[in-house]
């Protein structure tokens, strides 16, 4: 597994620790879950935008044979 280091202000780190404790997870697990959720949401937004663009430019794409 690759590692990444992030710096969090003390209040954020404390809140992360509290959330991890309250949910029975490690802070690392909470962060991994948050990153995955963010990536999934961004991927969905990009797919929706690509779909809109493809629909808007469908005639041009057909002319180009794509």
Protein backbone atom coordinates (compact mmCIF):
# COMPACT_ATOMS: atom_id res chain seq x y z
CA UNK A 1 0.00 0.00 0.00
CA UNK A 2 1.20 3.48 -0.80
CA UNK A 3 1.36 6.04 1.96
CA UNK A 4 0.51 9.71 2.02
CA UNK A 5 1.02 12.16 4.84
CA UNK A 6 -1.33 15.04 5.49
CA UNK A 7 -1.15 17.75 8.09
CA UNK A 8 -4.27 18.50 10.06
CA UNK A 9 -4.87 21.37 12.44
CA UNK A 10 -5.16 20.20 16.03
CA UNK A 11 -8.93 20.66 16.15
CA UNK A 12 -9.43 18.57 12.99
CA UNK A 13 -7.12 15.86 14.28
CA UNK A 14 -8.98 15.77 17.58
CA UNK A 15 -12.33 15.57 15.79
CA UNK A 16 -11.00 12.77 13.58
CA UNK A 17 -9.85 10.88 16.65
CA UNK A 18 -13.21 11.38 18.34
CA UNK A 19 -15.08 10.14 15.27
CA UNK A 20 -12.84 7.11 14.99
CA UNK A 21 -13.34 6.28 18.67
CA UNK A 22 -17.10 6.77 18.45
CA UNK A 23 -17.38 4.46 15.44
CA UNK A 24 -14.89 1.83 16.54
CA UNK A 25 -12.46 2.52 13.72
CA UNK A 26 -8.96 3.88 13.43
CA UNK A 27 -8.38 7.43 12.24
CA UNK A 28 -6.71 5.94 9.16
CA UNK A 29 -9.83 3.93 8.36
CA UNK A 30 -12.00 7.03 8.66
CA UNK A 31 -9.71 8.98 6.34
CA UNK A 32 -9.54 6.15 3.79
CA UNK A 33 -13.32 5.91 3.74
CA UNK A 34 -13.63 9.69 3.31
CA UNK A 35 -11.13 9.73 0.44
CA UNK A 36 -12.91 6.85 -1.30
CA UNK A 37 -16.28 8.60 -0.91
CA UNK A 38 -14.85 11.83 -2.30
CA UNK A 39 -13.24 10.07 -5.28
CA UNK A 40 -16.50 8.23 -6.02
CA UNK A 41 -18.48 11.50 -5.90
CA UNK A 42 -15.99 13.27 -8.16
CA UNK A 43 -15.98 10.33 -10.60
CA UNK A 44 -19.79 10.52 -10.76
CA UNK A 45 -19.72 14.30 -11.37
CA UNK A 46 -17.19 13.85 -14.17
CA UNK A 47 -19.22 11.06 -15.76
CA UNK A 48 -22.36 13.22 -15.64
CA UNK A 49 -20.51 16.17 -17.19
CA UNK A 50 -19.07 13.92 -19.91
CA UNK A 51 -22.55 12.59 -20.64
CA UNK A 52 -23.96 16.11 -20.91
CA UNK A 53 -21.15 17.16 -23.24
CA UNK A 54 -21.60 14.07 -25.39
CA UNK A 55 -25.33 14.77 -25.63
CA UNK A 56 -24.82 18.46 -26.41
CA UNK A 57 -22.26 17.66 -29.11
CA UNK A 58 -23.81 14.46 -30.45
CA UNK A 59 -24.23 15.79 -34.01
CA UNK A 60 -20.61 16.83 -34.18
CA UNK A 61 -19.43 13.54 -32.70
CA UNK A 62 -21.51 11.64 -35.29
CA UNK A 63 -19.98 13.68 -38.09
CA UNK A 64 -16.54 12.90 -36.74
CA UNK A 65 -17.44 9.21 -36.58
CA UNK A 66 -17.12 8.88 -32.81
